[in-house]
């Protein structure tokens, strides 16, 4: 009976290790599947994009209050407080970044290629 118990415990442990190994392999294959249709981007291009984003954000004046809409409310004790702050200048942040990226890369129109491949 003791041998039977040890055998079952060893079997359970072996199966748990196999399950963990299969789960790891499943996670790797799932990641590969998720990435299969994504466009490829090499590390140097990614670093250029990061630099463009950083430069574009640094150029924007986040301290300019004209970029925000403020909503105020009267508090219970009669004090005025800011209830909501909405940033309304997303386009002014996005545009310089997009321009910087477009200037760093040779943009090709591959939308026609995609249409002919799916047809």
Protein backbone atom coordinates (compact mmCIF):
# COMPACT_ATOMS: atom_id res chain seq x y z
CA UNK A 1 0.00 0.00 0.00
CA UNK A 2 2.89 2.39 0.81
CA UNK A 3 4.46 1.62 -2.59
CA UNK A 4 1.16 2.34 -4.29
CA UNK A 5 0.91 5.73 -2.55
CA UNK A 6 4.49 6.67 -3.50
CA UNK A 7 3.85 5.57 -7.08
CA UNK A 8 0.71 7.71 -7.28
CA UNK A 9 2.49 10.73 -5.75
CA UNK A 10 5.34 10.36 -8.24
CA UNK A 11 2.85 10.06 -11.09
CA UNK A 12 0.96 13.17 -9.92
CA UNK A 13 4.21 15.13 -9.62
CA UNK A 14 5.33 14.01 -13.08
CA UNK A 15 1.98 14.96 -14.59
CA UNK A 16 2.04 18.37 -12.88
CA UNK A 17 5.49 19.04 -14.34
CA UNK A 18 4.25 17.95 -17.77
CA UNK A 19 1.22 20.26 -17.44
CA UNK A 20 3.48 23.17 -16.51
CA UNK A 21 5.77 22.41 -19.45
CA UNK A 22 2.79 22.22 -21.82
CA UNK A 23 1.36 25.46 -20.42
CA UNK A 24 4.66 27.23 -21.03
CA UNK A 25 4.77 25.87 -24.59
CA UNK A 26 1.13 26.92 -25.11
CA UNK A 27 1.93 30.46 -23.94
CA UNK A 28 4.87 30.69 -26.35
CA UNK A 29 2.80 29.41 -29.29
CA UNK A 30 -0.09 31.73 -28.40
CA UNK A 31 2.29 34.69 -28.46
CA UNK A 32 3.65 33.55 -31.83
CA UNK A 33 0.10 33.23 -33.18
CA UNK A 34 -0.82 36.70 -31.92
CA UNK A 35 2.26 38.17 -33.60
CA UNK A 36 1.99 36.36 -36.94
CA UNK A 37 -0.04 39.02 -38.77
CA UNK A 38 1.56 42.03 -37.12
CA UNK A 39 3.79 44.14 -39.35
CA UNK A 40 7.48 43.66 -38.65
CA UNK A 41 9.43 46.47 -37.00
CA UNK A 42 13.12 46.23 -36.25
CA UNK A 43 14.65 47.59 -33.05
CA UNK A 44 16.42 50.54 -34.69
CA UNK A 45 13.15 51.74 -36.28
CA UNK A 46 11.41 51.37 -32.94
CA UNK A 47 14.07 53.48 -31.26
CA UNK A 48 13.61 56.18 -33.91
CA UNK A 49 9.86 56.16 -33.21
CA UNK A 50 10.49 56.42 -29.46
CA UNK A 51 12.82 59.36 -30.06
CA UNK A 52 10.19 61.08 -32.22
CA UNK A 53 7.55 60.61 -29.54
CA UNK A 54 9.86 61.95 -26.86
CA UNK A 55 10.86 64.96 -28.96
CA UNK A 56 7.25 65.68 -29.93
CA UNK A 57 6.06 65.54 -26.33
CA UNK A 58 8.94 67.68 -25.10
CA UNK A 59 8.01 70.40 -27.62
CA UNK A 60 4.45 70.65 -26.31
CA UNK A 61 3.72 73.17 -23.56
CA UNK A 62 1.67 71.20 -21.06
CA UNK A 63 1.69 74.15 -18.67
CA UNK A 64 -0.39 76.33 -21.02
CA UNK A 65 -3.81 76.46 -19.41
CA UNK A 66 -5.44 77.11 -22.80
CA UNK A 67 -4.90 73.40 -23.51
CA UNK A 68 -7.37 72.40 -20.80
CA UNK A 69 -11.02 72.84 -19.98
CA UNK A 70 -11.75 73.21 -16.29
CA UNK A 71 -15.04 72.55 -14.58
CA UNK A 72 -15.51 74.02 -11.13
CA UNK A 73 -17.99 73.30 -8.40
CA UNK A 74 -18.92 74.81 -5.10
CA UNK A 75 -17.89 72.58 -2.21
CA UNK A 76 -20.14 71.96 0.84
CA UNK A 77 -18.18 74.40 2.94
CA UNK A 78 -18.43 77.16 0.30
CA UNK A 79 -15.03 76.62 -1.29
CA UNK A 80 -14.62 76.47 -5.04
CA UNK A 81 -12.84 73.36 -6.23
CA UNK A 82 -11.94 71.91 -9.58
CA UNK A 83 -14.33 69.11 -10.38
CA UNK A 84 -12.96 68.07 -13.76
CA UNK A 85 -9.95 68.87 -15.94
CA UNK A 86 -10.16 67.87 -19.59
CA UNK A 87 -7.15 67.96 -21.89
CA UNK A 88 -8.43 69.26 -25.24
CA UNK A 89 -5.24 69.52 -27.29
CA UNK A 90 -4.55 65.92 -28.26
CA UNK A 91 -4.19 66.90 -31.91
CA UNK A 92 -1.54 69.46 -31.01
CA UNK A 93 0.47 66.72 -29.30
CA UNK A 94 -0.10 64.09 -31.98
CA UNK A 95 0.66 66.19 -35.07
CA UNK A 96 4.31 67.05 -34.31
CA UNK A 97 4.98 63.42 -33.42
CA UNK A 98 3.42 62.18 -36.65
CA UNK A 99 5.39 64.75 -38.67
CA UNK A 100 8.65 63.72 -37.00
CA UNK A 101 7.97 60.05 -37.73
CA UNK A 102 7.01 60.79 -41.34
CA UNK A 103 10.24 62.77 -41.78
CA UNK A 104 12.36 59.93 -40.38
CA UNK A 105 10.90 57.15 -42.54
CA UNK A 106 10.23 56.56 -46.21
CA UNK A 107 6.49 55.91 -46.00
CA UNK A 108 5.18 53.61 -48.71
CA UNK A 109 1.51 53.11 -49.48
CA UNK A 110 0.95 49.42 -48.99
CA UNK A 111 -2.83 49.65 -48.72
CA UNK A 112 -3.20 48.69 -52.39
CA UNK A 113 -0.99 45.62 -51.81
CA UNK A 114 -3.23 44.54 -48.94
CA UNK A 115 -6.35 44.86 -51.12
CA UNK A 116 -4.90 42.74 -53.92
CA UNK A 117 -3.67 40.05 -51.50
CA UNK A 118 -7.12 39.59 -49.97
CA UNK A 119 -8.94 39.63 -53.30
